[in-house]
C-alpha atoms as a PDB file:
ATOM      1  CA  MET A   1      23.798   6.915  22.471  1.00  0.00           C
ATOM      2  CA  SER A   2      21.339   7.710  19.658  1.00  0.00           C
ATOM      3  CA  SER A   3      17.651   6.837  19.872  1.00  0.00           C
ATOM      4  CA  ASN A   4      18.125   4.234  17.144  1.00  0.00           C
ATOM      5  CA  SER A   5      20.995   2.654  19.026  1.00  0.00           C
ATOM      6  CA  ARG A   6      18.941   2.461  22.211  1.00  0.00           C
ATOM      7  CA  LEU A   7      16.087   0.857  20.282  1.00  0.00           C
ATOM      8  CA  ILE A   8      18.406  -1.720  18.757  1.00  0.00           C
ATOM      9  CA  LEU A   9      19.820  -2.467  22.233  1.00  0.00           C
ATOM     10  CA  ASN A  10      16.331  -3.025  23.639  1.00  0.00           C
ATOM     11  CA  LEU A  11      15.308  -5.191  20.701  1.00  0.00           C
ATOM     12  CA  SER A  12      18.436  -7.276  20.897  1.00  0.00           C
ATOM     13  CA  THR A  13      18.497  -7.857  24.642  1.00  0.00           C
ATOM     14  CA  GLY A  14      14.828  -7.841  25.483  1.00  0.00           C
ATOM     15  CA  THR A  15      15.436  -5.247  28.217  1.00  0.00           C
ATOM     16  CA  GLY A  16      13.060  -2.395  28.907  1.00  0.00           C
ATOM     17  CA  LYS A  17      10.001  -1.578  30.946  1.00  0.00           C
ATOM     18  CA  THR A  18       6.967  -3.807  31.249  1.00  0.00           C
ATOM     19  CA  SER A  19       4.941  -1.400  29.089  1.00  0.00           C
ATOM     20  CA  THR A  20       7.353  -2.084  26.218  1.00  0.00           C
ATOM     21  CA  ALA A  21       6.149  -5.694  26.086  1.00  0.00           C
ATOM     22  CA  ILE A  22       2.586  -4.430  25.745  1.00  0.00           C
ATOM     23  CA  ARG A  23       3.513  -2.025  22.969  1.00  0.00           C
ATOM     24  CA  ASN A  24       5.599  -4.694  21.226  1.00  0.00           C
ATOM     25  CA  PRO A  25       3.513  -7.885  21.251  1.00  0.00           C
ATOM     26  CA  VAL A  26       5.451  -9.637  18.484  1.00  0.00           C
ATOM     27  CA  ARG A  27       8.486 -11.461  19.856  1.00  0.00           C
ATOM     28  CA  GLY A  28      11.058 -13.787  18.379  1.00  0.00           C
ATOM     29  CA  LYS A  29      14.623 -13.697  17.108  1.00  0.00           C
ATOM     30  CA  TRP A  30      16.291 -11.714  14.351  1.00  0.00           C
ATOM     31  CA  LEU A  31      19.428 -12.338  12.330  1.00  0.00           C
ATOM     32  CA  ASN A  32      21.432 -10.910   9.476  1.00  0.00           C
ATOM     33  CA  ILE A  33      21.762 -12.751   6.175  1.00  0.00           C
ATOM     34  CA  ARG A  34      25.169 -12.153   4.636  1.00  0.00           C
ATOM     35  CA  LEU A  35      26.792 -12.453   1.225  1.00  0.00           C
ATOM     36  CA  LYS A  36      30.402 -13.423   0.510  1.00  0.00           C
ATOM     37  CA  PRO A  37      30.923 -11.986  -3.013  1.00  0.00           C
ATOM     38  CA  ASP A  38      34.501 -13.254  -3.344  1.00  0.00           C
ATOM     39  CA  ILE A  39      35.158 -16.702  -1.867  1.00  0.00           C
ATOM     40  CA  PHE A  40      38.909 -16.113  -1.789  1.00  0.00           C
ATOM     41  CA  SER A  41      38.931 -12.707  -0.063  1.00  0.00           C
ATOM     42  CA  GLY A  42      36.193 -13.737   2.353  1.00  0.00           C
ATOM     43  CA  GLU A  43      34.572 -10.331   3.057  1.00  0.00           C
ATOM     44  CA  LEU A  44      30.971 -10.539   4.278  1.00  0.00           C
ATOM     45  CA  PHE A  45      28.238  -8.014   3.525  1.00  0.00           C
ATOM     46  CA  ASN A  46      24.786  -7.845   5.101  1.00  0.00           C
ATOM     47  CA  ILE A  47      22.285  -8.261   2.284  1.00  0.00           C
ATOM     48  CA  GLY A  48      19.179  -9.118   4.277  1.00  0.00           C
ATOM     49  CA  VAL A  49      17.555  -9.526   7.652  1.00  0.00           C
ATOM     50  CA  GLY A  50      15.373 -12.300   9.009  1.00  0.00           C
ATOM     51  CA  PHE A  51      12.899 -12.659  11.863  1.00  0.00           C
ATOM     52  CA  ILE A  52      12.007 -16.029  13.373  1.00  0.00           C
ATOM     53  CA  ASP A  53       8.516 -16.007  14.864  1.00  0.00           C
ATOM     54  CA  ASN A  54       7.239 -18.168  17.716  1.00  0.00           C
ATOM     55  CA  ASN A  55       6.229 -20.884  15.236  1.00  0.00           C
ATOM     56  CA  GLY A  56       9.803 -21.152  13.963  1.00  0.00           C
ATOM     57  CA  THR A  57       8.960 -19.532  10.614  1.00  0.00           C
ATOM     58  CA  LEU A  58      11.599 -17.276   9.083  1.00  0.00           C
ATOM     59  CA  HIS A  59      10.423 -13.979   7.588  1.00  0.00           C
ATOM     60  CA  SER A  60      12.978 -12.066   5.566  1.00  0.00           C
ATOM     61  CA  GLN A  61      13.745  -8.807   3.805  1.00  0.00           C
ATOM     62  CA  PHE A  62      16.575  -8.362   1.275  1.00  0.00           C
ATOM     63  CA  THR A  63      18.260  -5.502  -0.504  1.00  0.00           C
ATOM     64  CA  ASP A  64      17.465  -5.375  -4.210  1.00  0.00           C
ATOM     65  CA  ASP A  65      20.487  -3.317  -5.258  1.00  0.00           C
ATOM     66  CA  LEU A  66      24.047  -4.661  -5.171  1.00  0.00           C
ATOM     67  CA  SER A  67      25.595  -1.934  -7.332  1.00  0.00           C
ATOM     68  CA  ARG A  68      27.917  -0.742  -4.568  1.00  0.00           C
ATOM     69  CA  LEU A  69      29.728  -4.080  -4.719  1.00  0.00           C
ATOM     70  CA  GLN A  70      30.998  -3.077  -8.169  1.00  0.00           C
ATOM     71  CA  CYS A  71      32.910  -0.205  -6.578  1.00  0.00           C
ATOM     72  CA  LEU A  72      34.653  -2.612  -4.210  1.00  0.00           C
ATOM     73  CA  PHE A  73      35.346  -5.573  -6.474  1.00  0.00           C
ATOM     74  CA  ASP A  74      35.426  -4.112 -10.011  1.00  0.00           C
ATOM     75  CA  ASP A  75      35.298  -6.992 -12.481  1.00  0.00           C
ATOM     76  CA  ARG A  76      36.257  -9.661  -9.922  1.00  0.00           C
ATOM     77  CA  ILE A  77      32.587 -10.464  -9.417  1.00  0.00           C
ATOM     78  CA  ASP A  78      29.590 -10.763 -11.699  1.00  0.00           C
ATOM     79  CA  LEU A  79      26.763  -8.585 -10.361  1.00  0.00           C
ATOM     80  CA  GLN A  80      24.154 -10.612 -12.261  1.00  0.00           C
ATOM     81  CA  GLU A  81      25.416 -13.771 -10.607  1.00  0.00           C
ATOM     82  CA  MET A  82      25.365 -12.098  -7.184  1.00  0.00           C
ATOM     83  CA  ALA A  83      21.792 -10.883  -7.792  1.00  0.00           C
ATOM     84  CA  PHE A  84      20.779 -14.416  -8.735  1.00  0.00           C
ATOM     85  CA  ILE A  85      22.258 -15.805  -5.495  1.00  0.00           C
ATOM     86  CA  VAL A  86      20.514 -13.148  -3.382  1.00  0.00           C
ATOM     87  CA  ASP A  87      17.200 -13.768  -5.153  1.00  0.00           C
ATOM     88  CA  LEU A  88      17.643 -17.505  -4.615  1.00  0.00           C
ATOM     89  CA  ALA A  89      18.176 -16.890  -0.900  1.00  0.00           C
ATOM     90  CA  ALA A  90      15.087 -14.681  -0.759  1.00  0.00           C
ATOM     91  CA  SER A  91      12.914 -17.316  -2.411  1.00  0.00           C
ATOM     92  CA  GLN A  92      14.279 -20.192  -0.308  1.00  0.00           C
ATOM     93  CA  TYR A  93      14.312 -18.498   3.080  1.00  0.00           C
ATOM     94  CA  ASP A  94      11.145 -16.402   3.247  1.00  0.00           C
ATOM     95  CA  ARG A  95       8.353 -18.248   5.129  1.00  0.00           C
ATOM     96  CA  ALA A  96      10.589 -21.312   5.506  1.00  0.00           C
ATOM     97  CA  ALA A  97      10.884 -23.333   8.734  1.00  0.00           C
ATOM     98  CA  PHE A  98      14.119 -22.054  10.287  1.00  0.00           C
ATOM     99  CA  ASP A  99      15.066 -25.420  11.784  1.00  0.00           C
ATOM    100  CA  GLU A 100      14.911 -26.964   8.311  1.00  0.00           C
ATOM    101  CA  ILE A 101      17.094 -24.398   6.542  1.00  0.00           C
ATOM    102  CA  LYS A 102      19.571 -23.243   9.201  1.00  0.00           C
ATOM    103  CA  ASP A 103      22.044 -26.063   8.506  1.00  0.00           C
ATOM    104  CA  LYS A 104      21.434 -26.291   4.762  1.00  0.00           C
ATOM    105  CA  THR A 105      23.678 -24.368   2.405  1.00  0.00           C
ATOM    106  CA  ILE A 106      22.017 -23.022  -0.730  1.00  0.00           C
ATOM    107  CA  SER A 107      25.349 -21.442  -1.662  1.00  0.00           C
ATOM    108  CA  PRO A 108      28.742 -21.153   0.070  1.00  0.00           C
ATOM    109  CA  GLN A 109      28.372 -17.411  -0.534  1.00  0.00           C
ATOM    110  CA  ILE A 110      25.279 -17.063   1.692  1.00  0.00           C
ATOM    111  CA  ILE A 111      25.855 -17.015   5.463  1.00  0.00           C
ATOM    112  CA  LEU A 112      23.189 -16.899   8.179  1.00  0.00           C
ATOM    113  CA  GLY A 113      24.035 -14.822  11.245  1.00  0.00           C
ATOM    114  CA  GLU A 114      23.446 -15.826  14.852  1.00  0.00           C
ATOM    115  CA  PRO A 115      19.819 -15.210  15.956  1.00  0.00           C
ATOM    116  CA  SER A 116      19.220 -12.699  18.763  1.00  0.00           C
ATOM    117  CA  TYR A 117      16.094 -11.645  20.655  1.00  0.00           C
ATOM    118  CA  ALA A 118      13.817  -9.055  19.030  1.00  0.00           C
ATOM    119  CA  SER A 119      10.337  -7.641  19.594  1.00  0.00           C
ATOM    120  CA  GLY A 120       8.104  -5.076  17.969  1.00  0.00           C
ATOM    121  CA  LYS A 121       4.587  -4.111  16.955  1.00  0.00           C
ATOM    122  CA  THR A 122       4.603  -6.189  13.764  1.00  0.00           C
ATOM    123  CA  ILE A 123       6.969  -8.502  11.918  1.00  0.00           C
ATOM    124  CA  GLY A 124       7.227  -5.937   9.141  1.00  0.00           C
ATOM    125  CA  SER A 125       8.262  -3.143  11.508  1.00  0.00           C
ATOM    126  CA  ILE A 126      10.924  -5.359  13.075  1.00  0.00           C
ATOM    127  CA  LEU A 127      12.358  -6.269   9.690  1.00  0.00           C
ATOM    128  CA  ASN A 128      12.297  -2.628   8.552  1.00  0.00           C
ATOM    129  CA  GLN A 129      14.091  -1.468  11.702  1.00  0.00           C
ATOM    130  CA  PHE A 130      16.936  -3.964  11.456  1.00  0.00           C
ATOM    131  CA  TYR A 131      17.151  -3.489   7.699  1.00  0.00           C
ATOM    132  CA  ASP A 132      17.630   0.258   8.146  1.00  0.00           C
ATOM    133  CA  GLU A 133      20.241  -0.243  10.866  1.00  0.00           C
ATOM    134  CA  THR A 134      22.327  -3.072   9.425  1.00  0.00           C
ATOM    135  CA  ILE A 135      22.098  -3.077   5.613  1.00  0.00           C
ATOM    136  CA  SER A 136      24.685  -0.846   3.968  1.00  0.00           C
ATOM    137  CA  LEU A 137      24.238  -2.176   0.428  1.00  0.00           C
ATOM    138  CA  LYS A 138      21.538   0.293  -0.573  1.00  0.00           C
ATOM    139  CA  PRO A 139      21.243   2.402  -3.722  1.00  0.00           C
ATOM    140  CA  PHE A 140      23.240   5.654  -3.597  1.00  0.00           C
ATOM    141  CA  GLY A 141      21.200   8.390  -1.958  1.00  0.00           C
ATOM    142  CA  GLU A 142      18.757   5.986  -0.313  1.00  0.00           C
ATOM    143  CA  ASP A 143      17.687   6.564   3.259  1.00  0.00           C
ATOM    144  CA  SER A 144      14.727   5.540   5.384  1.00  0.00           C
ATOM    145  CA  LYS A 145      12.681   8.578   4.315  1.00  0.00           C
ATOM    146  CA  THR A 146      13.379   8.714   0.584  1.00  0.00           C
ATOM    147  CA  ARG A 147      13.896   5.035  -0.204  1.00  0.00           C
ATOM    148  CA  ARG A 148      12.375   3.887  -3.468  1.00  0.00           C
ATOM    149  CA  PRO A 149       9.949   0.987  -3.223  1.00  0.00           C
ATOM    150  CA  ARG A 150      11.702  -2.340  -2.741  1.00  0.00           C
ATOM    151  CA  PHE A 151      10.773  -5.298  -4.867  1.00  0.00           C
ATOM    152  CA  ALA A 152       9.203  -8.060  -2.788  1.00  0.00           C
ATOM    153  CA  SER A 153       9.743 -11.514  -4.246  1.00  0.00           C
ATOM    154  CA  SER A 154       7.391 -14.425  -3.562  1.00  0.00           C
ATOM    155  CA  SER A 155       8.361 -18.043  -3.091  1.00  0.00           C
ATOM    156  CA  THR A 156       6.351 -20.705  -4.879  1.00  0.00           C
ATOM    157  CA  GLU A 157       5.301 -22.120  -1.510  1.00  0.00           C
ATOM    158  CA  SER A 158       3.931 -18.787  -0.270  1.00  0.00           C
ATOM    159  CA  VAL A 159       2.064 -18.157  -3.536  1.00  0.00           C
ATOM    160  CA  ARG A 160       0.458 -21.593  -3.414  1.00  0.00           C
ATOM    161  CA  SER A 161      -0.602 -21.010   0.182  1.00  0.00           C
ATOM    162  CA  GLU A 162      -2.164 -17.639  -0.675  1.00  0.00           C
ATOM    163  CA  VAL A 163      -3.945 -19.048  -3.721  1.00  0.00           C
ATOM    164  CA  PHE A 164      -5.291 -21.967  -1.683  1.00  0.00           C
ATOM    165  CA  ASN A 165      -6.563 -19.565   0.979  1.00  0.00           C
ATOM    166  CA  TRP A 166      -8.292 -17.464  -1.697  1.00  0.00           C
ATOM    167  CA  LEU A 167      -9.898 -20.553  -3.239  1.00  0.00           C
ATOM    168  CA  ARG A 168     -11.092 -21.863   0.124  1.00  0.00           C
ATOM    169  CA  LEU A 169     -12.632 -18.492   0.928  1.00  0.00           C
ATOM    170  CA  GLN A 170     -14.190 -17.687  -2.455  1.00  0.00           C
ATOM    171  CA  HIS A 171     -14.946 -21.179  -3.828  1.00  0.00           C
ATOM    172  CA  PRO A 172     -14.929 -23.633  -0.889  1.00  0.00           C
ATOM    173  CA  LEU A 173     -16.601 -26.523  -2.736  1.00  0.00           C
ATOM    174  CA  LEU A 174     -14.235 -26.336  -5.678  1.00  0.00           C
ATOM    175  CA  ALA A 175     -11.271 -25.973  -3.317  1.00  0.00           C
ATOM    176  CA  LYS A 176     -12.175 -29.271  -1.645  1.00  0.00           C
ATOM    177  CA  GLU A 177     -12.212 -30.955  -5.050  1.00  0.00           C
ATOM    178  CA  ILE A 178      -8.915 -29.693  -6.460  1.00  0.00           C
ATOM    179  CA  ILE A 179      -6.589 -29.130  -3.452  1.00  0.00           C
ATOM    180  CA  PRO A 180      -5.288 -32.587  -2.487  1.00  0.00           C
ATOM    181  CA  SER A 181      -4.152 -33.456   1.013  1.00  0.00           C
ATOM    182  CA  ASN A 182      -0.917 -34.770  -0.513  1.00  0.00           C
ATOM    183  CA  SER A 183       0.527 -32.989  -3.550  1.00  0.00           C
ATOM    184  CA  GLN A 184       3.003 -35.807  -4.290  1.00  0.00           C
ATOM    185  CA  PHE A 185       1.657 -38.000  -7.102  1.00  0.00           C
ATOM    186  CA  VAL A 186       3.320 -41.378  -7.707  1.00  0.00           C
ATOM    187  CA  ILE A 187       3.897 -42.536 -11.291  1.00  0.00           C
ATOM    188  CA  GLN A 188       4.806 -46.106 -12.160  1.00  0.00           C
ATOM    189  CA  THR A 189       7.117 -46.668 -15.132  1.00  0.00           C
ATOM    190  CA  SER A 190       8.733 -49.702 -16.710  1.00  0.00           C
ATOM    191  CA  ASP A 191      12.276 -49.669 -18.099  1.00  0.00           C
ATOM    192  CA  ASN A 192      13.293 -52.933 -19.782  1.00  0.00           C
ATOM    193  CA  GLY A 193      10.882 -54.809 -17.560  1.00  0.00           C
ATOM    194  CA  VAL A 194      12.072 -53.088 -14.378  1.00  0.00           C
ATOM    195  CA  GLN A 195       9.268 -51.308 -12.522  1.00  0.00           C
ATOM    196  CA  GLN A 196      10.143 -47.890 -11.143  1.00  0.00           C
ATOM    197  CA  ARG A 197       8.270 -45.367  -8.986  1.00  0.00           C
ATOM    198  CA  HIS A 198       8.609 -41.621  -9.493  1.00  0.00           C
ATOM    199  CA  THR A 199       6.958 -38.773  -7.633  1.00  0.00           C
ATOM    200  CA  VAL A 200       5.607 -35.663  -9.326  1.00  0.00           C
ATOM    201  CA  GLU A 201       4.339 -32.643  -7.430  1.00  0.00           C
ATOM    202  CA  LEU A 202       0.800 -31.667  -8.425  1.00  0.00           C
ATOM    203  CA  PRO A 203      -0.677 -29.197  -5.908  1.00  0.00           C
ATOM    204  CA  LEU A 204      -3.907 -29.047  -7.943  1.00  0.00           C
ATOM    205  CA  ARG A 205      -5.541 -32.419  -8.577  1.00  0.00           C
ATOM    206  CA  ALA A 206      -8.998 -33.858  -9.124  1.00  0.00           C
ATOM    207  CA  PRO A 207      -8.224 -37.478 -10.077  1.00  0.00           C
ATOM    208  CA  GLY A 208      -9.644 -38.443 -13.435  1.00  0.00           C
ATOM    209  CA  ARG A 209     -10.510 -34.848 -14.279  1.00  0.00           C
ATOM    210  CA  ALA A 210      -7.755 -32.290 -13.742  1.00  0.00           C
ATOM    211  CA  ALA A 211      -4.105 -31.919 -12.702  1.00  0.00           C
ATOM    212  CA  GLY A 212      -2.179 -28.686 -12.330  1.00  0.00           C
ATOM    213  CA  THR A 213       0.571 -26.766 -10.616  1.00  0.00           C
ATOM    214  CA  ILE A 214       1.259 -23.231  -9.405  1.00  0.00           C
ATOM    215  CA  VAL A 215       4.633 -21.506  -9.636  1.00  0.00           C
ATOM    216  CA  SER A 216       5.938 -18.088  -8.626  1.00  0.00           C
ATOM    217  CA  ALA A 217       7.898 -16.161 -11.234  1.00  0.00           C
ATOM    218  CA  ASN A 218       7.571 -13.119  -8.992  1.00  0.00           C
ATOM    219  CA  CYS A 219      11.310 -12.738  -8.519  1.00  0.00           C
ATOM    220  CA  LYS A 220      13.844 -10.107  -9.430  1.00  0.00           C
ATOM    221  CA  THR A 221      16.123 -12.042 -11.772  1.00  0.00           C
ATOM    222  CA  ALA A 222      15.158 -13.819 -14.971  1.00  0.00           C
ATOM    223  CA  PRO A 223      17.327 -16.931 -14.323  1.00  0.00           C
ATOM    224  CA  THR A 224      15.446 -17.641 -11.092  1.00  0.00           C
ATOM    225  CA  ALA A 225      12.069 -17.256 -12.791  1.00  0.00           C
ATOM    226  CA  GLU A 226      13.165 -19.423 -15.706  1.00  0.00           C
ATOM    227  CA  LEU A 227      14.391 -22.216 -13.416  1.00  0.00           C
ATOM    228  CA  ARG A 228      11.121 -22.270 -11.474  1.00  0.00           C
ATOM    229  CA  ILE A 229       8.964 -22.264 -14.601  1.00  0.00           C
ATOM    230  CA  LEU A 230      10.979 -25.021 -16.275  1.00  0.00           C
ATOM    231  CA  GLN A 231      10.755 -27.234 -13.181  1.00  0.00           C
ATOM    232  CA  ALA A 232       6.974 -26.758 -13.057  1.00  0.00           C
ATOM    233  CA  ALA A 233       6.692 -27.314 -16.803  1.00  0.00           C
ATOM    234  CA  MET A 234       8.545 -30.634 -16.505  1.00  0.00           C
ATOM    235  CA  ASN A 235       6.035 -31.810 -13.886  1.00  0.00           C
ATOM    236  CA  ILE A 236       3.082 -30.855 -16.079  1.00  0.00           C
ATOM    237  CA  HIS A 237       4.692 -32.462 -19.119  1.00  0.00           C
ATOM    238  CA  THR A 238       4.997 -35.683 -17.093  1.00  0.00           C
ATOM    239  CA  ALA A 239       1.364 -35.399 -16.025  1.00  0.00           C
ATOM    240  CA  VAL A 240       0.255 -35.014 -19.654  1.00  0.00           C
ATOM    241  CA  ARG A 241       2.080 -38.224 -20.578  1.00  0.00           C
ATOM    242  CA  HIS A 242       0.788 -40.347 -17.710  1.00  0.00           C
ATOM    243  CA  LEU A 243      -2.645 -38.957 -16.777  1.00  0.00           C
ATOM    244  CA  GLU A 244      -4.834 -39.675 -19.750  1.00  0.00           C
ATOM    245  CA  GLY A 245      -8.112 -37.817 -19.894  1.00  0.00           C
ATOM    246  CA  GLU A 246      -7.144 -35.210 -17.299  1.00  0.00           C
ATOM    247  CA  ASP A 247      -7.021 -31.521 -18.170  1.00  0.00           C
ATOM    248  CA  CYS A 248      -3.601 -30.198 -17.205  1.00  0.00           C
ATOM    249  CA  GLY A 249      -2.860 -26.617 -16.184  1.00  0.00           C
ATOM    250  CA  LEU A 250       0.124 -24.450 -15.281  1.00  0.00           C
ATOM    251  CA  PHE A 251      -0.480 -21.230 -13.346  1.00  0.00           C
ATOM    252  CA  ILE A 252       2.240 -18.587 -13.051  1.00  0.00           C
ATOM    253  CA  LEU A 253       2.412 -15.506 -10.821  1.00  0.00           C
ATOM    254  CA  ARG A 254       4.489 -12.831 -12.556  1.00  0.00           C
ATOM    255  CA  PRO A 255       5.680  -9.422 -11.268  1.00  0.00           C
ATOM    256  CA  GLY A 256       3.104  -6.693 -11.804  1.00  0.00           C
ATOM    257  CA  ASP A 257       3.362  -3.059 -12.883  1.00  0.00           C
ATOM    258  CA  ASN A 258       3.411  -2.021  -9.211  1.00  0.00           C
ATOM    259  CA  SER A 259       6.270  -4.374  -8.332  1.00  0.00           C
ATOM    260  CA  ALA A 260       8.974  -1.632  -8.438  1.00  0.00           C
ATOM    261  CA  LEU A 261      10.678  -3.419 -11.349  1.00  0.00           C
ATOM    262  CA  PRO A 262      11.363  -1.276 -14.449  1.00  0.00           C
ATOM    263  CA  ARG A 263       9.170  -1.711 -17.515  1.00  0.00           C
ATOM    264  CA  SER A 264      12.070  -3.142 -19.519  1.00  0.00           C
ATOM    265  CA  THR A 265      12.538  -5.899 -16.908  1.00  0.00           C
ATOM    266  CA  LEU A 266       8.825  -6.711 -16.898  1.00  0.00           C
ATOM    267  CA  ASP A 267       8.892  -6.999 -20.685  1.00  0.00           C
ATOM    268  CA  ARG A 268      11.813  -9.439 -20.444  1.00  0.00           C
ATOM    269  CA  PHE A 269       9.820 -11.529 -17.963  1.00  0.00           C
ATOM    270  CA  ASP A 270       6.863 -11.669 -20.361  1.00  0.00           C
ATOM    271  CA  ASP A 271       9.151 -12.801 -23.189  1.00  0.00           C
ATOM    272  CA  LEU A 272      10.734 -15.404 -20.892  1.00  0.00           C
ATOM    273  CA  ILE A 273       7.359 -16.816 -19.848  1.00  0.00           C
ATOM    274  CA  ASP A 274       6.082 -16.976 -23.424  1.00  0.00           C
ATOM    275  CA  GLU A 275       9.227 -18.774 -24.564  1.00  0.00           C
ATOM    276  CA  SER A 276       9.099 -21.209 -21.648  1.00  0.00           C
ATOM    277  CA  VAL A 277       5.458 -22.313 -21.966  1.00  0.00           C
ATOM    278  CA  TRP A 278       4.571 -22.215 -25.667  1.00  0.00           C
ATOM    279  CA  LYS A 279       5.268 -25.936 -26.065  1.00  0.00           C
ATOM    280  CA  LEU A 280       2.882 -26.696 -23.215  1.00  0.00           C
ATOM    281  CA  ARG A 281       0.146 -24.607 -24.804  1.00  0.00           C
ATOM    282  CA  ASP A 282       0.818 -26.387 -28.065  1.00  0.00           C
ATOM    283  CA  ALA A 283       0.324 -29.707 -26.249  1.00  0.00           C
ATOM    284  CA  GLY A 284      -3.067 -28.597 -24.937  1.00  0.00           C
ATOM    285  CA  VAL A 285      -2.007 -27.510 -21.454  1.00  0.00           C
ATOM    286  CA  TYR A 286      -3.966 -24.600 -20.016  1.00  0.00           C
ATOM    287  CA  VAL A 287      -1.489 -21.844 -19.032  1.00  0.00           C
ATOM    288  CA  GLY A 288      -2.633 -18.973 -16.841  1.00  0.00           C
ATOM    289  CA  VAL A 289      -0.337 -16.007 -16.147  1.00  0.00           C
ATOM    290  CA  GLU A 290      -1.395 -13.280 -13.704  1.00  0.00           C
ATOM    291  CA  ASP A 291       0.219 -10.642 -11.493  1.00  0.00           C
ATOM    292  CA  SER A 292      -2.074 -11.043  -8.479  1.00  0.00           C
ATOM    293  CA  ILE A 293      -3.285 -13.844  -6.211  1.00  0.00           C
ATOM    294  CA  GLU A 294      -6.907 -13.049  -7.021  1.00  0.00           C
ATOM    295  CA  GLY A 295      -6.229 -13.077 -10.753  1.00  0.00           C
ATOM    296  CA  LEU A 296      -4.450 -16.411 -10.501  1.00  0.00           C
ATOM    297  CA  GLY A 297      -7.271 -17.816  -8.407  1.00  0.00           C
ATOM    298  CA  LYS A 298      -9.846 -16.786 -11.003  1.00  0.00           C
ATOM    299  CA  GLU A 299      -7.779 -18.436 -13.736  1.00  0.00           C
ATOM    300  CA  ILE A 300      -7.780 -21.688 -11.747  1.00  0.00           C
ATOM    301  CA  VAL A 301     -11.524 -21.483 -11.168  1.00  0.00           C
ATOM    302  CA  GLY A 302     -12.160 -20.992 -14.892  1.00  0.00           C
ATOM    303  CA  TRP A 303      -9.933 -23.953 -15.698  1.00  0.00           C
ATOM    304  CA  ALA A 304     -11.219 -26.358 -13.052  1.00  0.00           C
ATOM    305  CA  ALA A 305     -14.922 -25.511 -12.906  1.00  0.00           C
END
């Protein structure tokens, strides 16, 4: 049995000496996340790994290269569509509560494996170990020593949490003013005399003064980024119509130059963002676009101060 195989056995079963528990303080459960490229043929491929911590939060790591599927399926599948589904899974699953997502299907082509015991020094090391051992859909020539940097997507929820933490640390008084305890804002409308209630998500709000939202476009595929931006833009557009006298803002985290995405892809993202938000700018909405949490936080401070 190889050393890697023995390590996987220990991680999976929780067996080993007492000193192992001291060396590996992080404990939880791991699982594979699988893709079914062709619904009719039914083959499953491991495209990611997840780790469920003691709080029930799922941490995940996904492959960012599906090119080997083309060799297996030729033109029976659309690689762009598969990449979109994988990116959707990455954005929906990472830092999500496992109990809330385990029985929900974001796509019939994404399958969650059965969780098994795992432990290690850090969550990242656990994910890396199982990724190396179980993910075969890697770029040709990639191994654990020569692997090119993997793109790490960010969910909107995780970006908002990081921005809020930065604001609370750097500008605590302002953070208290603009981070509401409940981001769901209720709007009353009347349609032919019938009163209706609608909820709009505004994670940044100082009633009577400012209303804004934060969205992550830090994802690998343009369709995912476009969908997120358009959803956020619709909320801000609604706020502009119903919140008179309040300055409205939209804040977008984009992939940066160090994101492992090629320059041509980054340029396409910039064009996508510009095309998606120009109408908001034209309507007087403040739009901030940055490639770091700190940069986005500073944009919000300049807007809200």
